Amino acid sequence: MRAPLAVTVGEAAAEWLAAAEAGVVRTRSGEVYKPSALRSYREALKKVLAELGHRPFEVREQLSDEVIDQLLAGACTEEGKTTL
């Protein structure tokens, strides 16, 4: 039996984005994602993937909290608004 191949965060993000663009993955209300929402996800993913794109895809609460804190710290403007 072979071990499952490791999927990176970048690969998982690309797969999710492609599915969302194709209408396979939908919003909570069952609607397809609007083009503007997909653009926003692409922009946000650039920041995440710069930090995590090469890592194996696994979600640990501690890791995700640390990354979210770092991303939000870098995304806050002088006015205190989040740019993510």
C-alpha atoms as a PDB file:
ATOM      1  CA  MET A   1       0.000   0.000   0.000  1.00  0.00           C
ATOM      2  CA  ARG A   2       1.344   3.425  -0.944  1.00  0.00           C
ATOM      3  CA  ALA A   3       1.281   6.429   1.313  1.00  0.00           C
ATOM      4  CA  PRO A   4      -0.920   9.231   0.022  1.00  0.00           C
ATOM      5  CA  LEU A   5       0.939  11.915  -1.872  1.00  0.00           C
ATOM      6  CA  ALA A   6       1.467  15.095   0.059  1.00  0.00           C
ATOM      7  CA  VAL A   7      -0.465  18.028  -1.320  1.00  0.00           C
ATOM      8  CA  THR A   8       0.945  21.482  -0.719  1.00  0.00           C
ATOM      9  CA  VAL A   9      -1.114  24.427   0.437  1.00  0.00           C
ATOM     10  CA  GLY A  10      -0.524  25.994  -2.986  1.00  0.00           C
ATOM     11  CA  GLU A  11      -1.860  22.943  -4.795  1.00  0.00           C
ATOM     12  CA  ALA A  12      -4.912  22.734  -2.526  1.00  0.00           C
ATOM     13  CA  ALA A  13      -5.607  26.444  -3.027  1.00  0.00           C
ATOM     14  CA  ALA A  14      -5.296  26.139  -6.816  1.00  0.00           C
ATOM     15  CA  GLU A  15      -7.654  23.160  -6.832  1.00  0.00           C
ATOM     16  CA  TRP A  16     -10.224  24.979  -4.687  1.00  0.00           C
ATOM     17  CA  LEU A  17     -10.018  28.132  -6.804  1.00  0.00           C
ATOM     18  CA  ALA A  18     -10.447  26.177 -10.047  1.00  0.00           C
ATOM     19  CA  ALA A  19     -13.491  24.402  -8.595  1.00  0.00           C
ATOM     20  CA  ALA A  20     -14.971  27.716  -7.428  1.00  0.00           C
ATOM     21  CA  GLU A  21     -14.418  29.257 -10.866  1.00  0.00           C
ATOM     22  CA  ALA A  22     -16.109  26.237 -12.482  1.00  0.00           C
ATOM     23  CA  GLY A  23     -19.108  26.547 -10.149  1.00  0.00           C
ATOM     24  CA  VAL A  24     -18.423  23.217  -8.451  1.00  0.00           C
ATOM     25  CA  VAL A  25     -17.632  24.861  -5.115  1.00  0.00           C
ATOM     26  CA  ARG A  26     -20.360  27.303  -4.128  1.00  0.00           C
ATOM     27  CA  THR A  27     -21.106  29.835  -1.430  1.00  0.00           C
ATOM     28  CA  ARG A  28     -22.923  28.848   1.769  1.00  0.00           C
ATOM     29  CA  SER A  29     -26.188  29.909   0.156  1.00  0.00           C
ATOM     30  CA  GLY A  30     -25.556  27.644  -2.841  1.00  0.00           C
ATOM     31  CA  GLU A  31     -24.799  30.446  -5.292  1.00  0.00           C
ATOM     32  CA  VAL A  32     -21.826  30.453  -7.620  1.00  0.00           C
ATOM     33  CA  TYR A  33     -19.038  32.813  -6.618  1.00  0.00           C
ATOM     34  CA  LYS A  34     -19.193  36.206  -8.288  1.00  0.00           C
ATOM     35  CA  PRO A  35     -16.162  37.286 -10.326  1.00  0.00           C
ATOM     36  CA  SER A  36     -15.360  40.024  -7.805  1.00  0.00           C
ATOM     37  CA  ALA A  37     -15.349  37.492  -4.943  1.00  0.00           C
ATOM     38  CA  LEU A  38     -13.022  35.208  -6.894  1.00  0.00           C
ATOM     39  CA  ARG A  39     -10.678  38.147  -7.553  1.00  0.00           C
ATOM     40  CA  SER A  40     -10.664  38.911  -3.826  1.00  0.00           C
ATOM     41  CA  TYR A  41      -9.867  35.281  -2.994  1.00  0.00           C
ATOM     42  CA  ARG A  42      -7.033  35.272  -5.558  1.00  0.00           C
ATOM     43  CA  GLU A  43      -5.528  38.409  -4.007  1.00  0.00           C
ATOM     44  CA  ALA A  44      -5.853  37.082  -0.443  1.00  0.00           C
ATOM     45  CA  LEU A  45      -4.380  33.732  -1.474  1.00  0.00           C
ATOM     46  CA  LYS A  46      -1.285  35.453  -2.875  1.00  0.00           C
ATOM     47  CA  LYS A  47      -0.442  36.630   0.644  1.00  0.00           C
ATOM     48  CA  VAL A  48      -1.151  33.253   2.216  1.00  0.00           C
ATOM     49  CA  LEU A  49       0.697  31.296  -0.450  1.00  0.00           C
ATOM     50  CA  ALA A  50       3.765  33.505  -0.125  1.00  0.00           C
ATOM     51  CA  GLU A  51       4.080  32.166   3.422  1.00  0.00           C
ATOM     52  CA  LEU A  52       2.582  28.680   3.161  1.00  0.00           C
ATOM     53  CA  GLY A  53       2.378  27.665  -0.501  1.00  0.00           C
ATOM     54  CA  HIS A  54       5.248  25.175  -0.299  1.00  0.00           C
ATOM     55  CA  ARG A  55       4.094  23.492   2.930  1.00  0.00           C
ATOM     56  CA  PRO A  56       2.105  20.266   3.061  1.00  0.00           C
ATOM     57  CA  PHE A  57      -1.602  20.933   3.422  1.00  0.00           C
ATOM     58  CA  GLU A  58      -2.531  20.232   7.011  1.00  0.00           C
ATOM     59  CA  VAL A  59      -4.497  22.449   9.301  1.00  0.00           C
ATOM     60  CA  ARG A  60      -3.487  22.724  12.905  1.00  0.00           C
ATOM     61  CA  GLU A  61      -5.230  25.246  15.094  1.00  0.00           C
ATOM     62  CA  GLN A  62      -1.990  26.671  16.474  1.00  0.00           C
ATOM     63  CA  LEU A  63      -0.452  27.091  13.029  1.00  0.00           C
ATOM     64  CA  SER A  64      -3.560  28.649  11.540  1.00  0.00           C
ATOM     65  CA  ASP A  65      -3.899  31.088  14.465  1.00  0.00           C
ATOM     66  CA  GLU A  66      -0.256  32.135  14.112  1.00  0.00           C
ATOM     67  CA  VAL A  67      -0.570  32.644  10.366  1.00  0.00           C
ATOM     68  CA  ILE A  68      -3.831  34.565  10.701  1.00  0.00           C
ATOM     69  CA  ASP A  69      -2.262  36.818  13.330  1.00  0.00           C
ATOM     70  CA  GLN A  70       0.739  37.478  11.082  1.00  0.00           C
ATOM     71  CA  LEU A  71      -1.403  38.146   8.027  1.00  0.00           C
ATOM     72  CA  LEU A  72      -3.719  40.479   9.891  1.00  0.00           C
ATOM     73  CA  ALA A  73      -0.805  42.330  11.480  1.00  0.00           C
ATOM     74  CA  GLY A  74       0.606  42.992   8.019  1.00  0.00           C
ATOM     75  CA  ALA A  75      -2.775  43.807   6.505  1.00  0.00           C
ATOM     76  CA  CYS A  76      -3.866  46.521   8.925  1.00  0.00           C
ATOM     77  CA  THR A  77      -3.651  50.048   7.625  1.00  0.00           C
ATOM     78  CA  GLU A  78      -2.924  53.143   9.655  1.00  0.00           C
ATOM     79  CA  GLU A  79      -6.673  53.663  10.027  1.00  0.00           C
ATOM     80  CA  GLY A  80      -7.003  50.192  11.536  1.00  0.00           C
ATOM     81  CA  LYS A  81      -8.835  48.771   8.529  1.00  0.00           C
ATOM     82  CA  THR A  82      -7.964  45.296   7.343  1.00  0.00           C
ATOM     83  CA  THR A  83      -6.803  45.049   3.733  1.00  0.00           C
ATOM     84  CA  LEU A  84      -7.262  41.281   3.334  1.00  0.00           C
END
